[in-house]
């Protein structure tokens, strides 16, 4: 059954075929990197070109159910194929559903013991949450994460608690009868149930970030320091679209690493993501490379009869890679 839109087959439940966009790469450079680093390589790429689903409608990739099933399928294949528990993951995503982002991060965290995250360009919102898995978060000149404050549609859920805090601060020093009417109207519009609902969602996402960071940095950072990082990612920025480059990422206590420390390996991971930027799709491209022994051709030897050089072979057929 075909599970990649471009290449590769494996047996998967037929009802999942339409929502899976996964495959195992055969690129020799990536295979060499995986073998040399003894690491599984994984790419999670949201293309910039949305998929046209009607004459007037387009659908862009967002972390959701298809990505959950895709990552689960890849993890299952990795477990059956190799005992390697080191992961290099390249991420390019605008984010998506909170629950899907958390479930993907949790599944990867349970499946691999040592994770390095590469962010050549964008790992926003839910992508930032997944990036917290990295013992190192490798970033270049154009790389950025974003805050992980949850959104309701296009509205940041932090907005209501912040507005409430400003009103409390304002009326601590001013009697209601002396306040301008717009301030009084604002107090009447705040719904306490809605406020508590928003606070509950914010607390949930904060707990997700804390849990991921604690599992990665246990013994290296104190729970108090980890809590500060999680709080800052949720509440430390005035806008959901704030950019966190390498310096800011490192400044808040995350393990940001300059791309120069990875040299050619960084170039490979960045170029891998670039292959899918301009491909139209409504799902993330999920691709993997599993480390396998690279079979080098035997050196040429002299033929005893005429002294000519002839390449030797072992007479066996090359093993066909299983792709997903």
C-alpha atoms as a PDB file:
ATOM      1  CA  UNK A   1       0.000   0.000   0.000  1.00  0.00           C
ATOM      2  CA  UNK A   2       1.369   3.389  -0.919  1.00  0.00           C
ATOM      3  CA  UNK A   3       1.822   5.627   2.110  1.00  0.00           C
ATOM      4  CA  UNK A   4       4.037   8.280   0.539  1.00  0.00           C
ATOM      5  CA  UNK A   5       2.645  10.500  -2.168  1.00  0.00           C
ATOM      6  CA  UNK A   6       5.952  10.312  -4.009  1.00  0.00           C
ATOM      7  CA  UNK A   7       7.838   7.210  -3.088  1.00  0.00           C
ATOM      8  CA  UNK A   8       7.945   4.139  -0.903  1.00  0.00           C
ATOM      9  CA  UNK A   9       5.530   1.475   0.245  1.00  0.00           C
ATOM     10  CA  UNK A  10       4.731  -0.434   3.397  1.00  0.00           C
ATOM     11  CA  UNK A  11       1.778  -2.252   4.848  1.00  0.00           C
ATOM     12  CA  UNK A  12      -0.434   0.178   6.738  1.00  0.00           C
ATOM     13  CA  UNK A  13      -4.142   0.195   7.556  1.00  0.00           C
ATOM     14  CA  UNK A  14      -5.895   1.097   4.321  1.00  0.00           C
ATOM     15  CA  UNK A  15      -8.119   3.666   6.021  1.00  0.00           C
ATOM     16  CA  UNK A  16      -5.017   5.707   6.954  1.00  0.00           C
ATOM     17  CA  UNK A  17      -3.575   5.924   3.438  1.00  0.00           C
ATOM     18  CA  UNK A  18      -5.382   9.165   2.458  1.00  0.00           C
ATOM     19  CA  UNK A  19      -4.072  11.092   5.490  1.00  0.00           C
ATOM     20  CA  UNK A  20      -0.460   9.906   5.549  1.00  0.00           C
ATOM     21  CA  UNK A  21       2.317  11.863   3.838  1.00  0.00           C
ATOM     22  CA  UNK A  22       5.392   9.892   4.914  1.00  0.00           C
ATOM     23  CA  UNK A  23       8.400   8.253   3.320  1.00  0.00           C
ATOM     24  CA  UNK A  24      11.907   6.945   3.903  1.00  0.00           C
ATOM     25  CA  UNK A  25      14.572   8.862   2.016  1.00  0.00           C
ATOM     26  CA  UNK A  26      17.322   7.203  -0.024  1.00  0.00           C
ATOM     27  CA  UNK A  27      19.536  10.264  -0.492  1.00  0.00           C
ATOM     28  CA  UNK A  28      23.147   9.111  -0.130  1.00  0.00           C
ATOM     29  CA  UNK A  29      24.260  12.236   1.762  1.00  0.00           C
ATOM     30  CA  UNK A  30      21.530  11.843   4.355  1.00  0.00           C
ATOM     31  CA  UNK A  31      22.177   8.106   4.640  1.00  0.00           C
ATOM     32  CA  UNK A  32      25.863   8.764   5.235  1.00  0.00           C
ATOM     33  CA  UNK A  33      25.006  11.344   7.919  1.00  0.00           C
ATOM     34  CA  UNK A  34      22.635   8.926   9.671  1.00  0.00           C
ATOM     35  CA  UNK A  35      25.227   6.143   9.634  1.00  0.00           C
ATOM     36  CA  UNK A  36      28.089   8.403  10.750  1.00  0.00           C
ATOM     37  CA  UNK A  37      26.123   9.943  13.629  1.00  0.00           C
ATOM     38  CA  UNK A  38      24.329   6.681  14.452  1.00  0.00           C
ATOM     39  CA  UNK A  39      21.089   8.643  14.462  1.00  0.00           C
ATOM     40  CA  UNK A  40      17.673   8.370  12.884  1.00  0.00           C
ATOM     41  CA  UNK A  41      16.971  11.453  10.758  1.00  0.00           C
ATOM     42  CA  UNK A  42      13.471  12.921  10.670  1.00  0.00           C
ATOM     43  CA  UNK A  43      12.043  15.868   8.735  1.00  0.00           C
ATOM     44  CA  UNK A  44       8.738  17.517   9.628  1.00  0.00           C
ATOM     45  CA  UNK A  45       8.055  20.093   6.931  1.00  0.00           C
ATOM     46  CA  UNK A  46       5.055  22.304   6.287  1.00  0.00           C
ATOM     47  CA  UNK A  47       5.211  23.466   2.639  1.00  0.00           C
ATOM     48  CA  UNK A  48       4.698  27.143   1.907  1.00  0.00           C
ATOM     49  CA  UNK A  49       2.368  26.366  -0.997  1.00  0.00           C
ATOM     50  CA  UNK A  50      -1.139  25.403   0.209  1.00  0.00           C
ATOM     51  CA  UNK A  51      -3.196  22.727  -1.501  1.00  0.00           C
ATOM     52  CA  UNK A  52      -6.052  23.899  -3.720  1.00  0.00           C
ATOM     53  CA  UNK A  53      -9.185  22.047  -2.614  1.00  0.00           C
ATOM     54  CA  UNK A  54     -11.746  23.950  -4.700  1.00  0.00           C
ATOM     55  CA  UNK A  55     -11.716  26.703  -7.341  1.00  0.00           C
ATOM     56  CA  UNK A  56     -11.582  29.332  -4.603  1.00  0.00           C
ATOM     57  CA  UNK A  57     -10.330  27.530  -1.479  1.00  0.00           C
ATOM     58  CA  UNK A  58      -6.856  26.541  -0.324  1.00  0.00           C
ATOM     59  CA  UNK A  59      -5.771  24.491   2.685  1.00  0.00           C
ATOM     60  CA  UNK A  60      -2.403  25.009   4.397  1.00  0.00           C
ATOM     61  CA  UNK A  61      -0.527  22.440   6.447  1.00  0.00           C
ATOM     62  CA  UNK A  62      -1.091  22.551  10.206  1.00  0.00           C
ATOM     63  CA  UNK A  63      -0.085  20.126  12.953  1.00  0.00           C
ATOM     64  CA  UNK A  64      -3.081  17.893  13.459  1.00  0.00           C
ATOM     65  CA  UNK A  65      -4.444  14.367  13.238  1.00  0.00           C
ATOM     66  CA  UNK A  66      -2.659  13.397  10.010  1.00  0.00           C
ATOM     67  CA  UNK A  67       0.696  14.412  11.525  1.00  0.00           C
ATOM     68  CA  UNK A  68      -0.094  12.398  14.671  1.00  0.00           C
ATOM     69  CA  UNK A  69      -0.735   9.255  12.607  1.00  0.00           C
ATOM     70  CA  UNK A  70       2.265   9.985  10.403  1.00  0.00           C
ATOM     71  CA  UNK A  71       4.718  10.342  13.294  1.00  0.00           C
ATOM     72  CA  UNK A  72       3.232   7.258  14.981  1.00  0.00           C
ATOM     73  CA  UNK A  73       3.709   5.214  11.801  1.00  0.00           C
ATOM     74  CA  UNK A  74       7.313   6.369  11.380  1.00  0.00           C
ATOM     75  CA  UNK A  75       8.119   5.591  15.030  1.00  0.00           C
ATOM     76  CA  UNK A  76       6.626   2.108  14.631  1.00  0.00           C
ATOM     77  CA  UNK A  77       8.744   1.515  11.522  1.00  0.00           C
ATOM     78  CA  UNK A  78      11.897   2.781  13.255  1.00  0.00           C
ATOM     79  CA  UNK A  79      11.359   0.452  16.227  1.00  0.00           C
ATOM     80  CA  UNK A  80      11.017  -2.532  13.901  1.00  0.00           C
ATOM     81  CA  UNK A  81      14.035  -1.584  11.809  1.00  0.00           C
ATOM     82  CA  UNK A  82      16.732  -0.352  14.201  1.00  0.00           C
ATOM     83  CA  UNK A  83      17.717  -0.215  17.852  1.00  0.00           C
ATOM     84  CA  UNK A  84      19.120   3.317  17.429  1.00  0.00           C
ATOM     85  CA  UNK A  85      17.531   5.735  19.882  1.00  0.00           C
ATOM     86  CA  UNK A  86      19.282   8.918  18.808  1.00  0.00           C
ATOM     87  CA  UNK A  87      17.331  11.394  16.674  1.00  0.00           C
ATOM     88  CA  UNK A  88      18.212  14.348  14.450  1.00  0.00           C
ATOM     89  CA  UNK A  89      14.959  16.139  13.608  1.00  0.00           C
ATOM     90  CA  UNK A  90      14.618  19.048  11.173  1.00  0.00           C
ATOM     91  CA  UNK A  91      11.488  21.134  11.719  1.00  0.00           C
ATOM     92  CA  UNK A  92       9.737  23.721   9.590  1.00  0.00           C
ATOM     93  CA  UNK A  93       6.184  24.446  10.704  1.00  0.00           C
ATOM     94  CA  UNK A  94       3.813  27.278  11.599  1.00  0.00           C
ATOM     95  CA  UNK A  95       2.370  25.083  14.369  1.00  0.00           C
ATOM     96  CA  UNK A  96      -1.150  23.805  14.748  1.00  0.00           C
ATOM     97  CA  UNK A  97      -3.380  22.146  17.317  1.00  0.00           C
ATOM     98  CA  UNK A  98      -2.144  22.210  20.917  1.00  0.00           C
ATOM     99  CA  UNK A  99      -3.092  18.598  21.623  1.00  0.00           C
ATOM    100  CA  UNK A 100      -1.480  17.284  18.422  1.00  0.00           C
ATOM    101  CA  UNK A 101       1.741  19.232  19.049  1.00  0.00           C
ATOM    102  CA  UNK A 102       1.961  17.863  22.582  1.00  0.00           C
ATOM    103  CA  UNK A 103       1.180  14.272  21.566  1.00  0.00           C
ATOM    104  CA  UNK A 104       3.825  14.362  18.813  1.00  0.00           C
ATOM    105  CA  UNK A 105       6.408  15.789  21.233  1.00  0.00           C
ATOM    106  CA  UNK A 106       5.537  13.217  23.888  1.00  0.00           C
ATOM    107  CA  UNK A 107       5.709  10.293  21.422  1.00  0.00           C
ATOM    108  CA  UNK A 108       9.117  11.379  20.105  1.00  0.00           C
ATOM    109  CA  UNK A 109      10.408  11.983  23.630  1.00  0.00           C
ATOM    110  CA  UNK A 110       9.413   8.466  24.690  1.00  0.00           C
ATOM    111  CA  UNK A 111      10.858   6.858  21.570  1.00  0.00           C
ATOM    112  CA  UNK A 112      14.306   8.484  21.528  1.00  0.00           C
ATOM    113  CA  UNK A 113      16.851   9.033  24.285  1.00  0.00           C
ATOM    114  CA  UNK A 114      18.970  11.740  22.628  1.00  0.00           C
ATOM    115  CA  UNK A 115      17.318  14.344  20.392  1.00  0.00           C
ATOM    116  CA  UNK A 116      18.938  17.183  18.466  1.00  0.00           C
ATOM    117  CA  UNK A 117      16.563  19.666  16.844  1.00  0.00           C
ATOM    118  CA  UNK A 118      17.463  21.589  13.681  1.00  0.00           C
ATOM    119  CA  UNK A 119      15.450  24.736  12.918  1.00  0.00           C
ATOM    120  CA  UNK A 120      16.716  26.218   9.643  1.00  0.00           C
ATOM    121  CA  UNK A 121      13.853  28.694   9.354  1.00  0.00           C
ATOM    122  CA  UNK A 122      10.635  28.404  11.349  1.00  0.00           C
ATOM    123  CA  UNK A 123       9.375  26.321  14.261  1.00  0.00           C
ATOM    124  CA  UNK A 124       6.448  28.362  15.517  1.00  0.00           C
ATOM    125  CA  UNK A 125       3.926  27.779  18.281  1.00  0.00           C
ATOM    126  CA  UNK A 126       3.344  23.992  18.321  1.00  0.00           C
ATOM    127  CA  UNK A 127       6.643  23.644  16.456  1.00  0.00           C
ATOM    128  CA  UNK A 128       8.346  25.439  19.348  1.00  0.00           C
ATOM    129  CA  UNK A 129       6.737  23.002  21.773  1.00  0.00           C
ATOM    130  CA  UNK A 130       8.204  20.084  19.790  1.00  0.00           C
ATOM    131  CA  UNK A 131      11.587  21.855  19.625  1.00  0.00           C
ATOM    132  CA  UNK A 132      11.777  21.775  23.424  1.00  0.00           C
ATOM    133  CA  UNK A 133      12.692  18.085  23.019  1.00  0.00           C
ATOM    134  CA  UNK A 134      16.172  19.043  21.888  1.00  0.00           C
ATOM    135  CA  UNK A 135      19.198  18.655  24.120  1.00  0.00           C
ATOM    136  CA  UNK A 136      20.485  21.042  21.489  1.00  0.00           C
ATOM    137  CA  UNK A 137      18.407  23.359  19.301  1.00  0.00           C
ATOM    138  CA  UNK A 138      20.563  24.156  16.273  1.00  0.00           C
ATOM    139  CA  UNK A 139      19.780  27.522  14.664  1.00  0.00           C
ATOM    140  CA  UNK A 140      21.204  29.698  11.889  1.00  0.00           C
ATOM    141  CA  UNK A 141      20.900  33.312  10.800  1.00  0.00           C
ATOM    142  CA  UNK A 142      17.290  33.016   9.635  1.00  0.00           C
ATOM    143  CA  UNK A 143      16.052  30.588  12.300  1.00  0.00           C
ATOM    144  CA  UNK A 144      13.395  31.419  14.834  1.00  0.00           C
ATOM    145  CA  UNK A 145      10.999  29.955  17.351  1.00  0.00           C
ATOM    146  CA  UNK A 146       7.956  31.780  18.729  1.00  0.00           C
ATOM    147  CA  UNK A 147       6.072  31.923  22.031  1.00  0.00           C
ATOM    148  CA  UNK A 148       3.728  29.015  22.746  1.00  0.00           C
ATOM    149  CA  UNK A 149       0.864  31.037  24.230  1.00  0.00           C
ATOM    150  CA  UNK A 150      -2.324  29.323  23.025  1.00  0.00           C
ATOM    151  CA  UNK A 151      -4.666  30.939  20.498  1.00  0.00           C
ATOM    152  CA  UNK A 152      -8.421  30.745  20.044  1.00  0.00           C
ATOM    153  CA  UNK A 153      -8.820  31.345  16.329  1.00  0.00           C
ATOM    154  CA  UNK A 154      -6.746  34.501  15.842  1.00  0.00           C
ATOM    155  CA  UNK A 155      -7.164  35.666  19.458  1.00  0.00           C
ATOM    156  CA  UNK A 156      -4.337  35.045  21.961  1.00  0.00           C
ATOM    157  CA  UNK A 157      -5.867  33.562  25.112  1.00  0.00           C
ATOM    158  CA  UNK A 158      -3.463  35.652  27.175  1.00  0.00           C
ATOM    159  CA  UNK A 159      -5.327  38.777  26.093  1.00  0.00           C
ATOM    160  CA  UNK A 160      -8.264  38.402  28.504  1.00  0.00           C
ATOM    161  CA  UNK A 161      -6.187  37.697  31.657  1.00  0.00           C
ATOM    162  CA  UNK A 162      -3.894  40.585  30.746  1.00  0.00           C
ATOM    163  CA  UNK A 163      -6.835  42.923  30.259  1.00  0.00           C
ATOM    164  CA  UNK A 164      -8.283  41.794  33.598  1.00  0.00           C
ATOM    165  CA  UNK A 165      -4.952  42.433  35.350  1.00  0.00           C
ATOM    166  CA  UNK A 166      -4.801  45.946  33.923  1.00  0.00           C
ATOM    167  CA  UNK A 167      -8.327  46.677  35.120  1.00  0.00           C
ATOM    168  CA  UNK A 168      -7.514  45.385  38.604  1.00  0.00           C
ATOM    169  CA  UNK A 169      -4.407  47.575  38.724  1.00  0.00           C
ATOM    170  CA  UNK A 170      -6.359  50.601  37.446  1.00  0.00           C
ATOM    171  CA  UNK A 171      -9.192  50.343  39.976  1.00  0.00           C
ATOM    172  CA  UNK A 172      -6.835  49.767  42.888  1.00  0.00           C
ATOM    173  CA  UNK A 173      -6.071  53.497  42.724  1.00  0.00           C
ATOM    174  CA  UNK A 174      -9.345  54.862  41.392  1.00  0.00           C
ATOM    175  CA  UNK A 175     -12.931  54.632  42.571  1.00  0.00           C
ATOM    176  CA  UNK A 176     -15.367  53.312  39.991  1.00  0.00           C
ATOM    177  CA  UNK A 177     -17.446  56.533  40.050  1.00  0.00           C
ATOM    178  CA  UNK A 178     -14.328  58.539  39.114  1.00  0.00           C
ATOM    179  CA  UNK A 179     -13.315  56.289  36.229  1.00  0.00           C
ATOM    180  CA  UNK A 180     -14.017  57.171  32.583  1.00  0.00           C
ATOM    181  CA  UNK A 181     -16.950  55.291  31.096  1.00  0.00           C
ATOM    182  CA  UNK A 182     -14.832  53.097  28.724  1.00  0.00           C
ATOM    183  CA  UNK A 183     -13.036  51.599  31.733  1.00  0.00           C
ATOM    184  CA  UNK A 184     -16.325  50.883  33.494  1.00  0.00           C
ATOM    185  CA  UNK A 185     -17.741  49.304  30.315  1.00  0.00           C
ATOM    186  CA  UNK A 186     -14.723  47.037  30.064  1.00  0.00           C
ATOM    187  CA  UNK A 187     -15.234  45.702  33.590  1.00  0.00           C
ATOM    188  CA  UNK A 188     -18.861  44.879  32.765  1.00  0.00           C
ATOM    189  CA  UNK A 189     -17.873  42.966  29.633  1.00  0.00           C
ATOM    190  CA  UNK A 190     -15.484  40.517  31.292  1.00  0.00           C
ATOM    191  CA  UNK A 191     -17.089  37.102  31.726  1.00  0.00           C
ATOM    192  CA  UNK A 192     -15.591  35.342  34.793  1.00  0.00           C
ATOM    193  CA  UNK A 193     -16.362  31.889  33.366  1.00  0.00           C
ATOM    194  CA  UNK A 194     -14.635  32.761  30.095  1.00  0.00           C
ATOM    195  CA  UNK A 195     -11.683  34.177  32.031  1.00  0.00           C
ATOM    196  CA  UNK A 196     -11.342  30.985  34.054  1.00  0.00           C
ATOM    197  CA  UNK A 197     -11.604  28.875  30.897  1.00  0.00           C
ATOM    198  CA  UNK A 198      -8.789  30.822  29.255  1.00  0.00           C
ATOM    199  CA  UNK A 199      -6.646  30.558  32.388  1.00  0.00           C
ATOM    200  CA  UNK A 200      -7.202  26.797  32.432  1.00  0.00           C
ATOM    201  CA  UNK A 201      -6.022  26.378  28.838  1.00  0.00           C
ATOM    202  CA  UNK A 202      -2.971  28.560  29.470  1.00  0.00           C
ATOM    203  CA  UNK A 203      -2.092  26.497  32.550  1.00  0.00           C
ATOM    204  CA  UNK A 204      -2.464  23.281  30.537  1.00  0.00           C
ATOM    205  CA  UNK A 205      -0.014  24.440  27.855  1.00  0.00           C
ATOM    206  CA  UNK A 206       2.407  25.655  30.529  1.00  0.00           C
ATOM    207  CA  UNK A 207       2.290  22.212  32.122  1.00  0.00           C
ATOM    208  CA  UNK A 208       2.953  20.578  28.737  1.00  0.00           C
ATOM    209  CA  UNK A 209       6.064  22.733  28.228  1.00  0.00           C
ATOM    210  CA  UNK A 210       7.254  22.076  31.779  1.00  0.00           C
ATOM    211  CA  UNK A 211       6.812  18.304  31.382  1.00  0.00           C
ATOM    212  CA  UNK A 212       8.775  18.171  28.115  1.00  0.00           C
ATOM    213  CA  UNK A 213      11.593  20.364  29.453  1.00  0.00           C
ATOM    214  CA  UNK A 214      11.811  18.431  32.719  1.00  0.00           C
ATOM    215  CA  UNK A 215      12.198  15.106  30.897  1.00  0.00           C
ATOM    216  CA  UNK A 216      14.947  16.514  28.677  1.00  0.00           C
ATOM    217  CA  UNK A 217      16.900  18.502  31.276  1.00  0.00           C
ATOM    218  CA  UNK A 218      16.349  16.455  34.421  1.00  0.00           C
ATOM    219  CA  UNK A 219      19.530  16.626  36.491  1.00  0.00           C
ATOM    220  CA  UNK A 220      20.914  19.527  34.452  1.00  0.00           C
ATOM    221  CA  UNK A 221      18.391  22.226  35.309  1.00  0.00           C
ATOM    222  CA  UNK A 222      16.387  22.683  38.489  1.00  0.00           C
ATOM    223  CA  UNK A 223      12.568  22.419  38.352  1.00  0.00           C
ATOM    224  CA  UNK A 224      12.472  26.100  39.325  1.00  0.00           C
ATOM    225  CA  UNK A 225      14.591  27.099  36.318  1.00  0.00           C
ATOM    226  CA  UNK A 226      12.530  24.898  34.020  1.00  0.00           C
ATOM    227  CA  UNK A 227       9.342  26.484  35.362  1.00  0.00           C
ATOM    228  CA  UNK A 228      10.748  29.943  34.587  1.00  0.00           C
ATOM    229  CA  UNK A 229      11.447  28.941  30.983  1.00  0.00           C
ATOM    230  CA  UNK A 230       7.953  27.482  30.544  1.00  0.00           C
ATOM    231  CA  UNK A 231       6.328  30.567  32.075  1.00  0.00           C
ATOM    232  CA  UNK A 232       8.359  32.880  29.872  1.00  0.00           C
ATOM    233  CA  UNK A 233       7.392  31.010  26.696  1.00  0.00           C
ATOM    234  CA  UNK A 234       3.718  31.313  27.682  1.00  0.00           C
ATOM    235  CA  UNK A 235       3.544  34.820  29.133  1.00  0.00           C
ATOM    236  CA  UNK A 236       6.845  36.576  28.457  1.00  0.00           C
ATOM    237  CA  UNK A 237       5.984  38.151  25.117  1.00  0.00           C
ATOM    238  CA  UNK A 238       3.428  40.779  24.143  1.00  0.00           C
ATOM    239  CA  UNK A 239       2.705  39.118  20.800  1.00  0.00           C
ATOM    240  CA  UNK A 240       2.251  35.529  19.641  1.00  0.00           C
ATOM    241  CA  UNK A 241       4.269  36.373  16.527  1.00  0.00           C
ATOM    242  CA  UNK A 242       7.368  37.531  18.448  1.00  0.00           C
ATOM    243  CA  UNK A 243      10.545  36.071  16.935  1.00  0.00           C
ATOM    244  CA  UNK A 244      12.991  34.112  19.089  1.00  0.00           C
ATOM    245  CA  UNK A 245      16.303  33.859  17.301  1.00  0.00           C
ATOM    246  CA  UNK A 246      19.354  32.038  18.605  1.00  0.00           C
ATOM    247  CA  UNK A 247      20.380  34.738  21.094  1.00  0.00           C
ATOM    248  CA  UNK A 248      16.908  35.004  22.618  1.00  0.00           C
ATOM    249  CA  UNK A 249      16.497  31.242  22.733  1.00  0.00           C
ATOM    250  CA  UNK A 250      19.791  30.889  24.584  1.00  0.00           C
ATOM    251  CA  UNK A 251      18.997  33.917  26.731  1.00  0.00           C
ATOM    252  CA  UNK A 252      15.883  32.363  28.242  1.00  0.00           C
ATOM    253  CA  UNK A 253      17.773  29.196  29.162  1.00  0.00           C
ATOM    254  CA  UNK A 254      17.091  26.909  26.208  1.00  0.00           C
ATOM    255  CA  UNK A 255      20.048  24.991  24.684  1.00  0.00           C
ATOM    256  CA  UNK A 256      20.464  27.035  21.514  1.00  0.00           C
ATOM    257  CA  UNK A 257      23.499  26.089  19.409  1.00  0.00           C
ATOM    258  CA  UNK A 258      24.850  28.051  16.398  1.00  0.00           C
ATOM    259  CA  UNK A 259      24.662  26.209  13.094  1.00  0.00           C
ATOM    260  CA  UNK A 260      28.398  26.761  12.579  1.00  0.00           C
ATOM    261  CA  UNK A 261      29.061  24.048  15.155  1.00  0.00           C
ATOM    262  CA  UNK A 262      27.451  21.486  12.835  1.00  0.00           C
ATOM    263  CA  UNK A 263      29.006  22.656   9.563  1.00  0.00           C
ATOM    264  CA  UNK A 264      28.167  20.377   6.623  1.00  0.00           C
ATOM    265  CA  UNK A 265      25.652  18.406   8.722  1.00  0.00           C
ATOM    266  CA  UNK A 266      23.624  21.601   9.176  1.00  0.00           C
ATOM    267  CA  UNK A 267      23.714  22.196   5.420  1.00  0.00           C
ATOM    268  CA  UNK A 268      22.371  18.702   4.759  1.00  0.00           C
ATOM    269  CA  UNK A 269      19.495  19.080   7.216  1.00  0.00           C
ATOM    270  CA  UNK A 270      18.642  22.552   5.921  1.00  0.00           C
ATOM    271  CA  UNK A 271      18.714  21.444   2.289  1.00  0.00           C
ATOM    272  CA  UNK A 272      16.526  18.453   3.165  1.00  0.00           C
ATOM    273  CA  UNK A 273      13.781  20.777   4.382  1.00  0.00           C
ATOM    274  CA  UNK A 274      14.260  22.966   1.301  1.00  0.00           C
ATOM    275  CA  UNK A 275      13.213  20.115  -0.981  1.00  0.00           C
ATOM    276  CA  UNK A 276       9.637  20.413   0.211  1.00  0.00           C
ATOM    277  CA  UNK A 277       9.172  24.184   0.590  1.00  0.00           C
ATOM    278  CA  UNK A 278       7.498  24.787  -2.751  1.00  0.00           C
ATOM    279  CA  UNK A 279       5.546  21.542  -3.023  1.00  0.00           C
ATOM    280  CA  UNK A 280       1.817  22.085  -2.685  1.00  0.00           C
ATOM    281  CA  UNK A 281       0.156  20.104   0.089  1.00  0.00           C
ATOM    282  CA  UNK A 282      -2.299  20.446   2.961  1.00  0.00           C
ATOM    283  CA  UNK A 283      -0.248  18.128   5.175  1.00  0.00           C
ATOM    284  CA  UNK A 284       3.260  18.211   6.588  1.00  0.00           C
ATOM    285  CA  UNK A 285       5.832  16.180   4.706  1.00  0.00           C
ATOM    286  CA  UNK A 286       7.224  13.584   7.138  1.00  0.00           C
ATOM    287  CA  UNK A 287      10.400  11.906   5.957  1.00  0.00           C
ATOM    288  CA  UNK A 288      12.927   9.690   7.733  1.00  0.00           C
ATOM    289  CA  UNK A 289      16.339   8.146   7.214  1.00  0.00           C
ATOM    290  CA  UNK A 290      17.336   5.090   9.243  1.00  0.00           C
ATOM    291  CA  UNK A 291      21.070   4.461   9.805  1.00  0.00           C
ATOM    292  CA  UNK A 292      22.246   1.420   7.900  1.00  0.00           C
ATOM    293  CA  UNK A 293      25.703   0.094   7.174  1.00  0.00           C
ATOM    294  CA  UNK A 294      27.000   1.634   3.983  1.00  0.00           C
ATOM    295  CA  UNK A 295      28.254  -1.074   1.677  1.00  0.00           C
ATOM    296  CA  UNK A 296      31.308   0.235  -0.138  1.00  0.00           C
ATOM    297  CA  UNK A 297      32.458  -1.398  -3.389  1.00  0.00           C
ATOM    298  CA  UNK A 298      35.530  -3.592  -3.052  1.00  0.00           C
ATOM    299  CA  UNK A 299      38.737  -2.148  -4.480  1.00  0.00           C
ATOM    300  CA  UNK A 300      39.787  -3.159  -7.962  1.00  0.00           C
ATOM    301  CA  UNK A 301      42.286  -6.039  -8.226  1.00  0.00           C
ATOM    302  CA  UNK A 302      44.602  -7.207 -10.969  1.00  0.00           C
ATOM    303  CA  UNK A 303      43.376 -10.006 -13.162  1.00  0.00           C
ATOM    304  CA  UNK A 304      45.932 -12.797 -13.037  1.00  0.00           C
ATOM    305  CA  UNK A 305      45.505 -13.708 -16.669  1.00  0.00           C
ATOM    306  CA  UNK A 306      46.110 -10.392 -18.414  1.00  0.00           C
ATOM    307  CA  UNK A 307      47.124  -7.943 -15.701  1.00  0.00           C
ATOM    308  CA  UNK A 308      44.066  -5.718 -16.256  1.00  0.00           C
ATOM    309  CA  UNK A 309      42.269  -4.078 -13.324  1.00  0.00           C
ATOM    310  CA  UNK A 310      38.833  -5.525 -12.648  1.00  0.00           C
ATOM    311  CA  UNK A 311      36.326  -4.550  -9.975  1.00  0.00           C
ATOM    312  CA  UNK A 312      35.413  -7.402  -7.638  1.00  0.00           C
ATOM    313  CA  UNK A 313      31.906  -8.032  -6.367  1.00  0.00           C
ATOM    314  CA  UNK A 314      30.495 -10.396  -3.792  1.00  0.00           C
ATOM    315  CA  UNK A 315      27.893 -11.707  -6.208  1.00  0.00           C
ATOM    316  CA  UNK A 316      24.981 -10.843  -3.967  1.00  0.00           C
ATOM    317  CA  UNK A 317      22.037  -8.662  -4.898  1.00  0.00           C
ATOM    318  CA  UNK A 318      21.808  -5.341  -3.110  1.00  0.00           C
ATOM    319  CA  UNK A 319      19.145  -5.224  -0.443  1.00  0.00           C
ATOM    320  CA  UNK A 320      16.122  -3.109  -1.362  1.00  0.00           C
ATOM    321  CA  UNK A 321      15.336  -0.517   1.297  1.00  0.00           C
ATOM    322  CA  UNK A 322      11.948  -0.586   2.931  1.00  0.00           C
ATOM    323  CA  UNK A 323      10.392   2.831   2.596  1.00  0.00           C
ATOM    324  CA  UNK A 324       7.449   4.356   4.354  1.00  0.00           C
END
